[in-house]
């Protein structure tokens, strides 16, 4: 049986990343909820970069992205952060869903990524 790898985060009862059979799932919300959707998105993406790197992969290996926004009216503002982060090469773009969802506290964005492992 193949082992499941887990990277612990600060939240009780869940992992911030999990790897299995050449795939890596990771999730992030900003650890600073004082900012607007762009500030929180930048922080989420930085945390996701760290998790992907620790799991031996990166954003050029993304397969899927799920974005949850507390307010769908901020989607264009989110995209203004996402698009430069993901880069101009369509060969690196994952399929992506962006949906409105009630998020806890003052959280404006939560992002879930699925990536192919580089190793």
N, C-alpha and C. Protein backbone atom coordinates (compact mmCIF):
# COMPACT_ATOMS: atom_id res chain seq x y z
N UNK A 1 0.85 -1.18 0.00
CA UNK A 1 0.00 0.00 0.00
C UNK A 1 0.89 1.25 0.00
N UNK A 2 0.59 2.18 -0.89
CA UNK A 2 1.37 3.41 -0.99
C UNK A 2 1.08 4.33 0.19
N UNK A 3 2.13 4.96 0.73
CA UNK A 3 1.91 5.88 1.85
C UNK A 3 1.26 7.19 1.40
N UNK A 4 0.49 7.75 2.29
CA UNK A 4 -0.08 9.09 2.11
C UNK A 4 0.82 10.04 2.87
N UNK A 5 1.27 11.11 2.21
CA UNK A 5 2.09 12.12 2.88
C UNK A 5 1.18 13.25 3.34
N UNK A 6 1.46 13.79 4.51
CA UNK A 6 0.66 14.89 5.05
C UNK A 6 1.58 15.98 5.58
N UNK A 7 1.23 17.23 5.27
CA UNK A 7 1.96 18.38 5.77
C UNK A 7 1.01 19.14 6.68
N UNK A 8 1.35 19.16 7.95
CA UNK A 8 0.48 19.77 8.96
C UNK A 8 0.53 21.29 8.85
N UNK A 9 -0.59 21.88 9.14
CA UNK A 9 -0.70 23.33 9.25
C UNK A 9 -0.97 23.69 10.69
N UNK A 10 -1.45 24.89 10.90
CA UNK A 10 -1.73 25.33 12.25
C UNK A 10 -3.12 24.97 12.76
N UNK A 11 -4.00 24.53 11.87
CA UNK A 11 -5.38 24.23 12.27
C UNK A 11 -5.50 22.79 12.75
N UNK A 12 -6.21 22.63 13.83
CA UNK A 12 -6.45 21.31 14.40
C UNK A 12 -7.38 20.50 13.51
N UNK A 13 -7.07 19.23 13.30
CA UNK A 13 -7.96 18.33 12.62
C UNK A 13 -7.86 18.31 11.10
N UNK A 14 -6.90 19.04 10.54
CA UNK A 14 -6.75 19.01 9.08
C UNK A 14 -5.31 19.32 8.69
N UNK A 15 -4.96 18.85 7.49
CA UNK A 15 -3.63 19.07 6.94
C UNK A 15 -3.70 20.21 5.92
N UNK A 16 -2.60 20.94 5.76
CA UNK A 16 -2.58 22.01 4.75
C UNK A 16 -2.23 21.46 3.39
N UNK A 17 -1.63 20.27 3.34
CA UNK A 17 -1.34 19.61 2.07
C UNK A 17 -1.29 18.10 2.31
N UNK A 18 -1.69 17.37 1.26
CA UNK A 18 -1.65 15.91 1.29
C UNK A 18 -1.16 15.44 -0.07
N UNK A 19 -0.26 14.45 -0.06
CA UNK A 19 0.24 13.88 -1.29
C UNK A 19 -0.06 12.40 -1.36
N UNK A 20 -0.46 11.95 -2.56
CA UNK A 20 -0.75 10.53 -2.76
C UNK A 20 -0.66 10.20 -4.25
N UNK A 21 0.05 9.15 -4.57
CA UNK A 21 0.18 8.63 -5.93
C UNK A 21 0.49 9.71 -6.97
N UNK A 22 1.46 10.55 -6.65
CA UNK A 22 1.92 11.55 -7.61
C UNK A 22 1.07 12.80 -7.69
N UNK A 23 0.11 12.95 -6.78
CA UNK A 23 -0.72 14.15 -6.74
C UNK A 23 -0.57 14.83 -5.39
N UNK A 24 -0.74 16.16 -5.39
CA UNK A 24 -0.66 16.95 -4.16
C UNK A 24 -1.89 17.85 -4.09
N UNK A 25 -2.61 17.76 -3.00
CA UNK A 25 -3.73 18.66 -2.72
C UNK A 25 -3.29 19.63 -1.64
N UNK A 26 -3.60 20.90 -1.81
CA UNK A 26 -3.25 21.88 -0.79
C UNK A 26 -4.31 22.97 -0.74
N UNK A 27 -4.41 23.61 0.40
CA UNK A 27 -5.43 24.63 0.63
C UNK A 27 -4.83 25.76 1.45
N UNK A 28 -5.35 26.97 1.25
CA UNK A 28 -4.88 28.10 2.06
C UNK A 28 -5.96 29.16 2.17
N UNK A 29 -5.96 29.79 3.32
CA UNK A 29 -6.63 31.06 3.54
C UNK A 29 -5.56 31.99 4.10
N UNK A 30 -5.78 33.26 4.01
CA UNK A 30 -4.79 34.20 4.53
C UNK A 30 -4.71 34.09 6.05
N UNK A 31 -3.51 34.19 6.59
CA UNK A 31 -3.35 34.22 8.04
C UNK A 31 -3.48 35.65 8.57
N UNK A 32 -3.83 36.58 7.71
CA UNK A 32 -4.10 37.97 8.09
C UNK A 32 -5.41 38.38 7.41
N UNK A 33 -6.48 38.44 8.17
CA UNK A 33 -7.80 38.76 7.61
C UNK A 33 -8.10 40.25 7.61
N UNK A 34 -7.11 41.08 7.88
CA UNK A 34 -7.37 42.52 7.94
C UNK A 34 -7.43 43.16 6.56
N UNK A 35 -6.88 42.51 5.56
CA UNK A 35 -6.81 43.10 4.23
C UNK A 35 -8.02 42.82 3.37
N UNK A 36 -8.04 43.47 2.20
CA UNK A 36 -9.11 43.24 1.23
C UNK A 36 -8.85 41.93 0.49
N UNK A 37 -9.69 41.61 -0.49
CA UNK A 37 -9.56 40.35 -1.21
C UNK A 37 -8.21 40.23 -1.91
N UNK A 38 -7.66 41.32 -2.41
CA UNK A 38 -6.35 41.24 -3.09
C UNK A 38 -5.23 40.95 -2.10
N UNK A 39 -5.23 41.61 -0.97
CA UNK A 39 -4.20 41.35 0.03
C UNK A 39 -4.30 39.91 0.53
N UNK A 40 -5.51 39.46 0.79
CA UNK A 40 -5.69 38.08 1.25
C UNK A 40 -5.31 37.08 0.16
N UNK A 41 -5.65 37.37 -1.09
CA UNK A 41 -5.29 36.48 -2.19
C UNK A 41 -3.77 36.37 -2.33
N UNK A 42 -3.07 37.49 -2.24
CA UNK A 42 -1.60 37.47 -2.33
C UNK A 42 -1.01 36.59 -1.23
N UNK A 43 -1.54 36.71 -0.02
CA UNK A 43 -1.04 35.91 1.09
C UNK A 43 -1.37 34.43 0.89
N UNK A 44 -2.59 34.14 0.44
CA UNK A 44 -2.97 32.75 0.14
C UNK A 44 -2.01 32.13 -0.87
N UNK A 45 -1.75 32.84 -1.94
CA UNK A 45 -0.89 32.32 -2.99
C UNK A 45 0.54 32.12 -2.51
N UNK A 46 1.02 33.00 -1.65
CA UNK A 46 2.35 32.82 -1.07
C UNK A 46 2.39 31.56 -0.20
N UNK A 47 1.35 31.36 0.59
CA UNK A 47 1.28 30.15 1.42
C UNK A 47 1.17 28.90 0.56
N UNK A 48 0.40 28.98 -0.52
CA UNK A 48 0.29 27.84 -1.43
C UNK A 48 1.61 27.54 -2.11
N UNK A 49 2.35 28.57 -2.51
CA UNK A 49 3.69 28.37 -3.09
C UNK A 49 4.57 27.59 -2.12
N UNK A 50 4.51 27.97 -0.83
CA UNK A 50 5.32 27.28 0.19
C UNK A 50 4.90 25.82 0.33
N UNK A 51 3.60 25.58 0.39
CA UNK A 51 3.11 24.20 0.53
C UNK A 51 3.48 23.35 -0.68
N UNK A 52 3.31 23.90 -1.87
CA UNK A 52 3.68 23.17 -3.08
C UNK A 52 5.17 22.84 -3.08
N UNK A 53 6.01 23.81 -2.71
CA UNK A 53 7.46 23.58 -2.68
C UNK A 53 7.83 22.48 -1.68
N UNK A 54 7.21 22.52 -0.50
CA UNK A 54 7.49 21.49 0.50
C UNK A 54 7.07 20.11 0.02
N UNK A 55 6.05 20.06 -0.83
CA UNK A 55 5.56 18.79 -1.37
C UNK A 55 6.31 18.39 -2.64
N UNK A 56 7.28 19.20 -3.06
CA UNK A 56 8.11 18.85 -4.20
C UNK A 56 7.51 19.19 -5.55
N UNK A 57 6.66 20.21 -5.61
CA UNK A 57 6.07 20.62 -6.87
C UNK A 57 5.94 22.14 -6.90
N UNK A 58 5.27 22.68 -7.89
CA UNK A 58 5.08 24.13 -7.97
C UNK A 58 3.86 24.45 -8.83
N UNK A 59 3.58 25.73 -8.97
CA UNK A 59 2.36 26.17 -9.66
C UNK A 59 2.36 25.84 -11.15
N UNK A 60 3.50 25.51 -11.75
CA UNK A 60 3.52 25.13 -13.16
C UNK A 60 2.98 23.71 -13.36
N UNK A 61 2.74 23.00 -12.27
CA UNK A 61 2.25 21.61 -12.32
C UNK A 61 0.81 21.50 -11.84
N UNK A 62 0.11 22.64 -11.75
CA UNK A 62 -1.28 22.61 -11.27
C UNK A 62 -2.18 21.91 -12.27
N UNK A 63 -3.12 21.16 -11.74
CA UNK A 63 -4.14 20.47 -12.53
C UNK A 63 -5.48 21.16 -12.35
N UNK A 64 -5.78 21.54 -11.11
CA UNK A 64 -7.10 22.08 -10.79
C UNK A 64 -6.98 23.13 -9.68
N UNK A 65 -7.86 24.12 -9.74
CA UNK A 65 -7.94 25.15 -8.70
C UNK A 65 -9.41 25.42 -8.39
N UNK A 66 -9.70 25.52 -7.11
CA UNK A 66 -11.03 25.92 -6.65
C UNK A 66 -10.85 27.16 -5.80
N UNK A 67 -11.55 28.22 -6.18
CA UNK A 67 -11.44 29.49 -5.46
C UNK A 67 -12.81 29.80 -4.86
N UNK A 68 -12.81 30.07 -3.58
CA UNK A 68 -14.02 30.46 -2.87
C UNK A 68 -13.89 31.91 -2.47
N UNK A 69 -14.83 32.73 -2.91
CA UNK A 69 -14.83 34.16 -2.59
C UNK A 69 -16.03 34.47 -1.70
N UNK A 70 -15.79 35.25 -0.66
CA UNK A 70 -16.89 35.65 0.21
C UNK A 70 -17.87 36.56 -0.53
N UNK A 71 -17.37 37.27 -1.53
CA UNK A 71 -18.21 38.18 -2.32
C UNK A 71 -17.82 38.04 -3.79
N UNK A 72 -18.71 37.47 -4.59
CA UNK A 72 -18.40 37.27 -6.01
C UNK A 72 -18.19 38.59 -6.75
N UNK A 73 -18.62 39.69 -6.19
CA UNK A 73 -18.37 41.00 -6.81
C UNK A 73 -16.89 41.36 -6.79
N UNK A 74 -16.08 40.60 -6.03
CA UNK A 74 -14.63 40.86 -5.97
C UNK A 74 -13.83 39.95 -6.91
N UNK A 75 -14.52 39.21 -7.78
CA UNK A 75 -13.82 38.27 -8.67
C UNK A 75 -12.80 38.98 -9.56
N UNK A 76 -13.14 40.11 -10.13
CA UNK A 76 -12.19 40.83 -10.99
C UNK A 76 -10.96 41.27 -10.18
N UNK A 77 -11.17 41.68 -8.94
CA UNK A 77 -10.05 42.06 -8.08
C UNK A 77 -9.18 40.84 -7.77
N UNK A 78 -9.82 39.70 -7.52
CA UNK A 78 -9.07 38.47 -7.29
C UNK A 78 -8.27 38.11 -8.54
N UNK A 79 -8.91 38.15 -9.70
CA UNK A 79 -8.23 37.80 -10.95
C UNK A 79 -7.02 38.70 -11.21
N UNK A 80 -7.07 39.95 -10.76
CA UNK A 80 -5.94 40.87 -10.93
C UNK A 80 -4.72 40.40 -10.13
N UNK A 81 -4.92 39.57 -9.12
CA UNK A 81 -3.82 38.97 -8.37
C UNK A 81 -3.49 37.59 -8.94
N UNK A 82 -4.51 36.81 -9.23
CA UNK A 82 -4.33 35.44 -9.74
C UNK A 82 -3.57 35.41 -11.06
N UNK A 83 -3.99 36.23 -12.02
CA UNK A 83 -3.42 36.15 -13.37
C UNK A 83 -1.91 36.38 -13.41
N UNK A 84 -1.37 37.40 -12.74
CA UNK A 84 0.09 37.54 -12.72
C UNK A 84 0.78 36.37 -12.00
N UNK A 85 0.13 35.85 -10.96
CA UNK A 85 0.72 34.74 -10.20
C UNK A 85 0.81 33.49 -11.07
N UNK A 86 -0.26 33.18 -11.80
CA UNK A 86 -0.28 31.96 -12.59
C UNK A 86 0.59 32.10 -13.84
N UNK A 87 0.78 33.33 -14.30
CA UNK A 87 1.68 33.58 -15.42
C UNK A 87 0.98 33.56 -16.76
N UNK A 88 1.69 34.00 -17.81
CA UNK A 88 1.08 34.16 -19.13
C UNK A 88 1.04 32.89 -19.98
N UNK A 89 1.71 31.82 -19.57
CA UNK A 89 1.80 30.62 -20.40
C UNK A 89 0.60 29.70 -20.18
N UNK A 90 -0.30 29.57 -21.15
CA UNK A 90 -1.47 28.71 -21.00
C UNK A 90 -1.11 27.25 -20.70
N UNK A 91 0.09 26.84 -21.02
CA UNK A 91 0.51 25.47 -20.73
C UNK A 91 0.56 25.20 -19.22
N UNK A 92 0.60 26.27 -18.42
CA UNK A 92 0.68 26.12 -16.96
C UNK A 92 -0.66 26.41 -16.27
N UNK A 93 -1.68 26.74 -17.02
CA UNK A 93 -2.96 27.11 -16.39
C UNK A 93 -3.76 25.87 -16.01
N UNK A 94 -4.23 25.81 -14.77
CA UNK A 94 -5.10 24.70 -14.37
C UNK A 94 -6.54 24.99 -14.82
N UNK A 95 -7.39 23.99 -14.78
CA UNK A 95 -8.82 24.31 -14.85
C UNK A 95 -9.14 24.97 -13.52
N UNK A 96 -10.08 25.91 -13.53
CA UNK A 96 -10.36 26.66 -12.30
C UNK A 96 -11.84 26.93 -12.18
N UNK A 97 -12.34 26.76 -10.98
CA UNK A 97 -13.71 27.15 -10.65
C UNK A 97 -13.62 28.25 -9.59
N UNK A 98 -14.46 29.24 -9.72
CA UNK A 98 -14.49 30.34 -8.76
C UNK A 98 -15.95 30.50 -8.33
N UNK A 99 -16.20 30.30 -7.05
CA UNK A 99 -17.58 30.32 -6.56
C UNK A 99 -17.70 31.22 -5.33
N UNK A 100 -18.89 31.74 -5.14
CA UNK A 100 -19.18 32.51 -3.94
C UNK A 100 -19.55 31.57 -2.80
N UNK A 101 -19.03 31.86 -1.62
CA UNK A 101 -19.29 31.00 -0.47
C UNK A 101 -19.18 31.82 0.82
N UNK A 102 -20.02 31.54 1.79
CA UNK A 102 -19.84 32.19 3.08
C UNK A 102 -18.57 31.65 3.73
N UNK A 103 -17.65 32.52 4.07
CA UNK A 103 -16.40 32.12 4.69
C UNK A 103 -16.37 32.63 6.13
N UNK A 104 -15.61 31.96 6.97
CA UNK A 104 -15.57 32.29 8.40
C UNK A 104 -14.90 33.63 8.66
N UNK A 105 -15.35 34.29 9.69
CA UNK A 105 -14.73 35.54 10.13
C UNK A 105 -14.69 36.58 9.04
N UNK A 106 -13.51 37.22 8.90
CA UNK A 106 -13.32 38.24 7.86
C UNK A 106 -12.53 37.69 6.68
N UNK A 107 -12.54 36.38 6.53
CA UNK A 107 -11.87 35.72 5.41
C UNK A 107 -12.58 36.10 4.12
N UNK A 108 -11.83 36.55 3.13
CA UNK A 108 -12.38 36.96 1.84
C UNK A 108 -12.16 35.94 0.74
N UNK A 109 -11.15 35.05 0.92
CA UNK A 109 -10.81 34.08 -0.14
C UNK A 109 -10.18 32.82 0.47
N UNK A 110 -10.55 31.68 -0.12
CA UNK A 110 -9.94 30.40 0.20
C UNK A 110 -9.64 29.70 -1.11
N UNK A 111 -8.46 29.09 -1.22
CA UNK A 111 -8.05 28.48 -2.48
C UNK A 111 -7.61 27.04 -2.22
N UNK A 112 -8.13 26.13 -3.06
CA UNK A 112 -7.74 24.72 -3.02
C UNK A 112 -7.06 24.41 -4.35
N UNK A 113 -5.89 23.79 -4.29
CA UNK A 113 -5.15 23.42 -5.50
C UNK A 113 -4.89 21.92 -5.54
N UNK A 114 -4.87 21.39 -6.74
CA UNK A 114 -4.43 20.03 -7.00
C UNK A 114 -3.28 20.13 -8.01
N UNK A 115 -2.16 19.53 -7.65
CA UNK A 115 -0.97 19.59 -8.52
C UNK A 115 -0.40 18.19 -8.73
N UNK A 116 0.23 18.00 -9.87
CA UNK A 116 1.01 16.81 -10.12
C UNK A 116 2.36 16.98 -9.42
N UNK A 117 2.79 15.94 -8.74
CA UNK A 117 4.08 16.01 -8.05
C UNK A 117 5.19 16.04 -9.10
N UNK A 118 6.27 16.72 -8.80
CA UNK A 118 7.40 16.83 -9.73
C UNK A 118 8.33 15.64 -9.58
N UNK A 119 8.25 14.94 -8.48
CA UNK A 119 9.16 13.81 -8.23
C UNK A 119 8.50 12.51 -8.59
